C-alpha atoms as a PDB file:
ATOM      1  CA  MET A   1     -13.224  47.808   3.702  1.00  0.00           C
ATOM      2  CA  ALA A   2     -12.343  50.706   1.281  1.00  0.00           C
ATOM      3  CA  HIS A   3     -10.067  50.341  -1.232  1.00  0.00           C
ATOM      4  CA  ALA A   4      -7.660  52.781  -2.184  1.00  0.00           C
ATOM      5  CA  ASP A   5      -8.188  52.835  -5.673  1.00  0.00           C
ATOM      6  CA  PRO A   6      -9.643  55.310  -7.049  1.00  0.00           C
ATOM      7  CA  ASP A   7     -10.524  53.344 -10.492  1.00  0.00           C
ATOM      8  CA  PHE A   8     -12.204  50.635  -8.070  1.00  0.00           C
ATOM      9  CA  SER A   9     -15.916  50.178  -8.669  1.00  0.00           C
ATOM     10  CA  PRO A  10     -18.033  47.044  -6.584  1.00  0.00           C
ATOM     11  CA  ASP A  11     -20.120  46.894 -10.104  1.00  0.00           C
ATOM     12  CA  HIS A  12     -16.672  46.502 -12.151  1.00  0.00           C
ATOM     13  CA  PRO A  13     -16.298  42.442 -12.758  1.00  0.00           C
ATOM     14  CA  ALA A  14     -12.752  42.237 -11.068  1.00  0.00           C
ATOM     15  CA  ALA A  15     -14.550  43.053  -8.004  1.00  0.00           C
ATOM     16  CA  ALA A  16     -15.637  39.188  -7.529  1.00  0.00           C
ATOM     17  CA  VAL A  17     -12.728  37.568  -8.245  1.00  0.00           C
ATOM     18  CA  PRO A  18     -10.427  39.060  -5.109  1.00  0.00           C
ATOM     19  CA  ASP A  19     -13.599  37.739  -3.139  1.00  0.00           C
ATOM     20  CA  ALA A  20     -13.770  34.360  -4.997  1.00  0.00           C
ATOM     21  CA  ALA A  21     -10.074  33.862  -4.786  1.00  0.00           C
ATOM     22  CA  SER A  22     -10.236  34.421  -1.077  1.00  0.00           C
ATOM     23  CA  ALA A  23     -13.303  32.057  -0.387  1.00  0.00           C
ATOM     24  CA  ALA A  24     -11.638  29.353  -2.020  1.00  0.00           C
ATOM     25  CA  SER A  25      -8.088  29.889  -0.147  1.00  0.00           C
ATOM     26  CA  SER A  26      -9.783  29.930   2.948  1.00  0.00           C
ATOM     27  CA  PRO A  27      -8.978  27.206   5.633  1.00  0.00           C
ATOM     28  CA  GLY A  28     -12.475  25.463   5.526  1.00  0.00           C
ATOM     29  CA  ALA A  29     -12.388  25.452   1.653  1.00  0.00           C
ATOM     30  CA  GLN A  30      -9.246  23.895   1.483  1.00  0.00           C
ATOM     31  CA  ASP A  31     -10.368  21.470   3.942  1.00  0.00           C
ATOM     32  CA  ALA A  32     -13.326  20.876   2.094  1.00  0.00           C
ATOM     33  CA  ASP A  33     -11.577  20.285  -0.901  1.00  0.00           C
ATOM     34  CA  TRP A  34      -8.756  18.126   0.428  1.00  0.00           C
ATOM     35  CA  ALA A  35     -11.184  15.803   2.380  1.00  0.00           C
ATOM     36  CA  ARG A  36     -13.371  15.141  -0.878  1.00  0.00           C
ATOM     37  CA  ARG A  37     -10.327  14.312  -2.788  1.00  0.00           C
ATOM     38  CA  ARG A  38      -8.897  12.127   0.032  1.00  0.00           C
ATOM     39  CA  ARG A  39     -12.888  10.480   0.175  1.00  0.00           C
ATOM     40  CA  ASP A  40     -12.790   9.593  -4.137  1.00  0.00           C
ATOM     41  CA  ALA A  41      -9.011   8.300  -3.430  1.00  0.00           C
ATOM     42  CA  ALA A  42      -9.847   6.086  -0.760  1.00  0.00           C
ATOM     43  CA  ALA A  43     -13.173   5.135  -2.974  1.00  0.00           C
ATOM     44  CA  GLU A  44     -10.780   4.630  -5.793  1.00  0.00           C
ATOM     45  CA  ARG A  45      -8.492   2.321  -4.047  1.00  0.00           C
ATOM     46  CA  ALA A  46     -11.172   0.107  -2.667  1.00  0.00           C
ATOM     47  CA  ARG A  47     -12.943   0.089  -6.111  1.00  0.00           C
ATOM     48  CA  MET A  48      -9.686  -1.012  -7.420  1.00  0.00           C
ATOM     49  CA  LEU A  49      -9.009  -3.641  -4.460  1.00  0.00           C
ATOM     50  CA  GLN A  50     -12.427  -5.006  -5.015  1.00  0.00           C
ATOM     51  CA  ALA A  51     -11.969  -5.463  -8.707  1.00  0.00           C
ATOM     52  CA  ARG A  52      -8.483  -7.223  -8.124  1.00  0.00           C
ATOM     53  CA  GLN A  53     -10.074  -9.732  -5.580  1.00  0.00           C
ATOM     54  CA  ALA A  54     -12.744 -10.500  -7.898  1.00  0.00           C
ATOM     55  CA  ALA A  55     -10.448 -11.237 -10.643  1.00  0.00           C
ATOM     56  CA  GLU A  56      -8.408 -13.573  -8.046  1.00  0.00           C
ATOM     57  CA  HIS A  57     -11.379 -15.082  -7.214  1.00  0.00           C
ATOM     58  CA  GLN A  58     -12.725 -15.916 -10.693  1.00  0.00           C
ATOM     59  CA  ARG A  59      -9.147 -17.271 -11.335  1.00  0.00           C
ATOM     60  CA  ALA A  60      -9.166 -19.465  -8.585  1.00  0.00           C
ATOM     61  CA  ALA A  61     -12.428 -20.497  -9.256  1.00  0.00           C
ATOM     62  CA  ARG A  62     -11.512 -22.053 -12.876  1.00  0.00           C
ATOM     63  CA  ILE A  63      -8.747 -23.766 -10.958  1.00  0.00           C
ATOM     64  CA  VAL A  64     -10.954 -25.515  -9.131  1.00  0.00           C
ATOM     65  CA  ALA A  65     -13.368 -26.159 -12.268  1.00  0.00           C
ATOM     66  CA  LEU A  66     -10.261 -27.711 -13.893  1.00  0.00           C
ATOM     67  CA  PHE A  67      -9.215 -29.878 -10.834  1.00  0.00           C
ATOM     68  CA  ILE A  68     -12.680 -31.267 -10.328  1.00  0.00           C
ATOM     69  CA  ALA A  69     -12.831 -32.567 -14.293  1.00  0.00           C
ATOM     70  CA  VAL A  70      -9.111 -34.259 -13.488  1.00  0.00           C
ATOM     71  CA  ALA A  71     -10.166 -36.030 -10.089  1.00  0.00           C
ATOM     72  CA  GLU A  72     -13.875 -36.990 -11.736  1.00  0.00           C
ATOM     73  CA  ALA A  73     -11.894 -38.399 -14.782  1.00  0.00           C
ATOM     74  CA  GLU A  74      -9.906 -40.127 -12.118  1.00  0.00           C
ATOM     75  CA  GLY A  75     -11.720 -41.333  -9.492  1.00  0.00           C
ATOM     76  CA  LEU A  76     -10.704 -39.379  -7.028  1.00  0.00           C
ATOM     77  CA  GLU A  77     -13.204 -40.158  -4.304  1.00  0.00           C
ATOM     78  CA  ALA A  78     -14.805 -37.420  -2.577  1.00  0.00           C
ATOM     79  CA  THR A  79     -15.317 -37.801   1.175  1.00  0.00           C
ATOM     80  CA  PRO A  80     -18.050 -36.385   3.523  1.00  0.00           C
ATOM     81  CA  LEU A  81     -17.609 -33.385   5.053  1.00  0.00           C
ATOM     82  CA  ARG A  82     -17.687 -31.919   8.682  1.00  0.00           C
ATOM     83  CA  VAL A  83     -17.574 -28.916  10.319  1.00  0.00           C
ATOM     84  CA  ARG A  84     -15.039 -28.427  13.512  1.00  0.00           C
ATOM     85  CA  GLY A  85     -16.343 -26.986  16.431  1.00  0.00           C
ATOM     86  CA  TYR A  86     -13.887 -24.405  17.882  1.00  0.00           C
ATOM     87  CA  GLY A  87     -13.969 -25.985  21.230  1.00  0.00           C
ATOM     88  CA  GLY A  88     -14.177 -29.443  19.721  1.00  0.00           C
ATOM     89  CA  GLY A  89     -16.375 -31.801  18.374  1.00  0.00           C
ATOM     90  CA  SER A  90     -18.023 -31.810  14.838  1.00  0.00           C
ATOM     91  CA  ALA A  91     -21.397 -32.071  12.940  1.00  0.00           C
ATOM     92  CA  ARG A  92     -22.123 -33.619   9.386  1.00  0.00           C
ATOM     93  CA  THR A  93     -23.132 -31.404   6.466  1.00  0.00           C
ATOM     94  CA  PRO A  94     -24.730 -32.666   3.709  1.00  0.00           C
ATOM     95  CA  LEU A  95     -21.719 -32.039   1.418  1.00  0.00           C
ATOM     96  CA  THR A  96     -19.593 -33.939  -0.250  1.00  0.00           C
ATOM     97  CA  GLY A  97     -15.670 -32.725  -1.285  1.00  0.00           C
ATOM     98  CA  TRP A  98     -12.112 -33.030  -0.610  1.00  0.00           C
ATOM     99  CA  TYR A  99     -10.490 -31.181   2.413  1.00  0.00           C
ATOM    100  CA  LEU A 100      -7.778 -28.990   1.294  1.00  0.00           C
ATOM    101  CA  ARG A 101      -5.425 -28.542   4.579  1.00  0.00           C
ATOM    102  CA  GLN A 102      -4.215 -31.641   6.551  1.00  0.00           C
ATOM    103  CA  ASP A 103      -6.535 -30.363  10.157  1.00  0.00           C
ATOM    104  CA  GLN A 104      -9.442 -30.087   7.675  1.00  0.00           C
ATOM    105  CA  SER A 105     -10.633 -26.682   8.331  1.00  0.00           C
ATOM    106  CA  VAL A 106     -11.336 -25.826   4.456  1.00  0.00           C
ATOM    107  CA  ALA A 107     -12.568 -27.899   2.021  1.00  0.00           C
ATOM    108  CA  ILE A 108     -14.038 -27.723  -2.055  1.00  0.00           C
ATOM    109  CA  ASP A 109     -16.911 -29.843  -2.574  1.00  0.00           C
ATOM    110  CA  THR A 110     -17.599 -31.540  -5.653  1.00  0.00           C
ATOM    111  CA  THR A 111     -19.137 -28.551  -7.586  1.00  0.00           C
ATOM    112  CA  GLY A 112     -16.034 -26.637  -6.851  1.00  0.00           C
ATOM    113  CA  ARG A 113     -17.801 -24.464  -3.876  1.00  0.00           C
ATOM    114  CA  PHE A 114     -15.109 -23.114  -1.378  1.00  0.00           C
ATOM    115  CA  TYR A 115     -15.687 -23.997   2.783  1.00  0.00           C
ATOM    116  CA  ILE A 116     -14.146 -22.677   6.014  1.00  0.00           C
ATOM    117  CA  LEU A 117     -14.943 -25.516   7.885  1.00  0.00           C
ATOM    118  CA  THR A 118     -14.869 -24.389  11.559  1.00  0.00           C
ATOM    119  CA  ARG A 119     -17.288 -22.352  13.697  1.00  0.00           C
ATOM    120  CA  PRO A 120     -18.810 -22.577  16.744  1.00  0.00           C
ATOM    121  CA  LEU A 121     -21.042 -25.485  17.222  1.00  0.00           C
ATOM    122  CA  SER A 122     -24.122 -25.857  19.555  1.00  0.00           C
ATOM    123  CA  VAL A 123     -25.441 -29.310  20.899  1.00  0.00           C
ATOM    124  CA  ARG A 124     -27.909 -28.869  18.480  1.00  0.00           C
ATOM    125  CA  ASP A 125     -25.716 -28.132  15.357  1.00  0.00           C
ATOM    126  CA  ARG A 126     -23.507 -31.759  16.693  1.00  0.00           C
ATOM    127  CA  LEU A 127     -27.152 -33.734  16.625  1.00  0.00           C
ATOM    128  CA  LEU A 128     -28.595 -32.360  13.573  1.00  0.00           C
ATOM    129  CA  GLY A 129     -25.677 -31.267  11.409  1.00  0.00           C
ATOM    130  CA  VAL A 130     -25.211 -27.633   9.714  1.00  0.00           C
ATOM    131  CA  THR A 131     -24.607 -26.427   6.587  1.00  0.00           C
ATOM    132  CA  PRO A 132     -21.696 -24.141   6.183  1.00  0.00           C
ATOM    133  CA  ALA A 133     -21.558 -20.829   3.987  1.00  0.00           C
ATOM    134  CA  ASP A 134     -19.476 -21.289   0.562  1.00  0.00           C
ATOM    135  CA  GLU A 135     -17.240 -17.753   0.448  1.00  0.00           C
ATOM    136  CA  PRO A 136     -14.963 -17.631  -2.838  1.00  0.00           C
ATOM    137  CA  VAL A 137     -12.391 -19.560  -3.326  1.00  0.00           C
ATOM    138  CA  PRO A 138      -9.017 -17.810  -2.721  1.00  0.00           C
ATOM    139  CA  MET A 139      -5.735 -18.297  -4.360  1.00  0.00           C
ATOM    140  CA  THR A 140      -3.813 -18.329  -1.386  1.00  0.00           C
ATOM    141  CA  ILE A 141      -5.576 -20.772   1.799  1.00  0.00           C
ATOM    142  CA  GLY A 142      -5.209 -19.518   5.214  1.00  0.00           C
ATOM    143  CA  GLU A 143      -3.922 -15.672   4.188  1.00  0.00           C
ATOM    144  CA  GLY A 144      -4.602 -13.456   7.018  1.00  0.00           C
ATOM    145  CA  GLY A 145      -5.288 -16.274   9.557  1.00  0.00           C
ATOM    146  CA  ARG A 146      -3.484 -16.506  13.018  1.00  0.00           C
ATOM    147  CA  ASP A 147      -1.759 -19.767  12.708  1.00  0.00           C
ATOM    148  CA  GLY A 148       0.687 -18.938   9.824  1.00  0.00           C
ATOM    149  CA  ASP A 149       0.054 -21.913   7.905  1.00  0.00           C
ATOM    150  CA  ILE A 150      -0.176 -20.465   4.276  1.00  0.00           C
ATOM    151  CA  VAL A 151      -0.610 -22.632   1.134  1.00  0.00           C
ATOM    152  CA  PRO A 152      -1.192 -21.475  -2.346  1.00  0.00           C
ATOM    153  CA  LEU A 153      -4.412 -23.140  -3.800  1.00  0.00           C
ATOM    154  CA  ARG A 154      -2.163 -25.254  -6.449  1.00  0.00           C
ATOM    155  CA  THR A 155      -0.219 -26.951  -4.042  1.00  0.00           C
ATOM    156  CA  ALA A 156      -3.224 -27.593  -1.695  1.00  0.00           C
ATOM    157  CA  LEU A 157      -4.987 -29.493  -4.824  1.00  0.00           C
ATOM    158  CA  ASP A 158      -1.468 -30.955  -5.878  1.00  0.00           C
ATOM    159  CA  ARG A 159      -1.127 -32.713  -2.174  1.00  0.00           C
ATOM    160  CA  LEU A 160      -4.473 -34.265  -3.049  1.00  0.00           C
ATOM    161  CA  LEU A 161      -3.713 -35.310  -6.753  1.00  0.00           C
ATOM    162  CA  PRO A 162      -0.256 -35.217  -7.545  1.00  0.00           C
ATOM    163  CA  GLY A 163       0.535 -34.029 -11.146  1.00  0.00           C
ATOM    164  CA  TRP A 164      -2.989 -33.600 -11.835  1.00  0.00           C
ATOM    165  CA  GLU A 165      -1.811 -29.826 -13.863  1.00  0.00           C
ATOM    166  CA  GLU A 166      -0.483 -31.800 -16.307  1.00  0.00           C
ATOM    167  CA  ARG A 167      -3.400 -33.740 -17.304  1.00  0.00           C
ATOM    168  CA  SER A 168      -5.943 -30.915 -16.864  1.00  0.00           C
ATOM    169  CA  PRO A 169      -8.062 -30.439 -20.168  1.00  0.00           C
ATOM    170  CA  GLU A 170      -6.780 -26.874 -20.368  1.00  0.00           C
ATOM    171  CA  PRO A 171      -3.837 -24.726 -19.486  1.00  0.00           C
ATOM    172  CA  LEU A 172      -4.321 -23.062 -15.744  1.00  0.00           C
ATOM    173  CA  ALA A 173      -2.235 -20.042 -16.898  1.00  0.00           C
END
């Protein structure tokens, strides 16, 4: 393509600028830049969410540890924990602790680990028992569940040992 400017030379430094500008403003380059910015923003949001969740789980674990200190000092008896099957029946576990919901679907053990105690059970599980995997302690029990029964962790612990927060060795907040 010929330029109308007689002073224009392909060797002139300004000659590269229009080509670079047109390449940067081309739809393909703009789309790639937009996609990169979107990926970066999504990664940052995921990182922030993960950090917020980790802080929440750490706070909840601290609350459970303080509860256990009060429960042990006051002699709140731990019970053997069982896993309930989706289709009925149950299986024993090697765990002892306290159920956090009336339906016995979640519990904490005596060391402060949190368990969801519902799962599919085989005949073998029912006969020999199971060892459930622990999960991070949530600040709200049942959040995201289908039954709509959402209970704050502190409320669930207070049901087990009313007024325990006032007797905690440290403040919760």
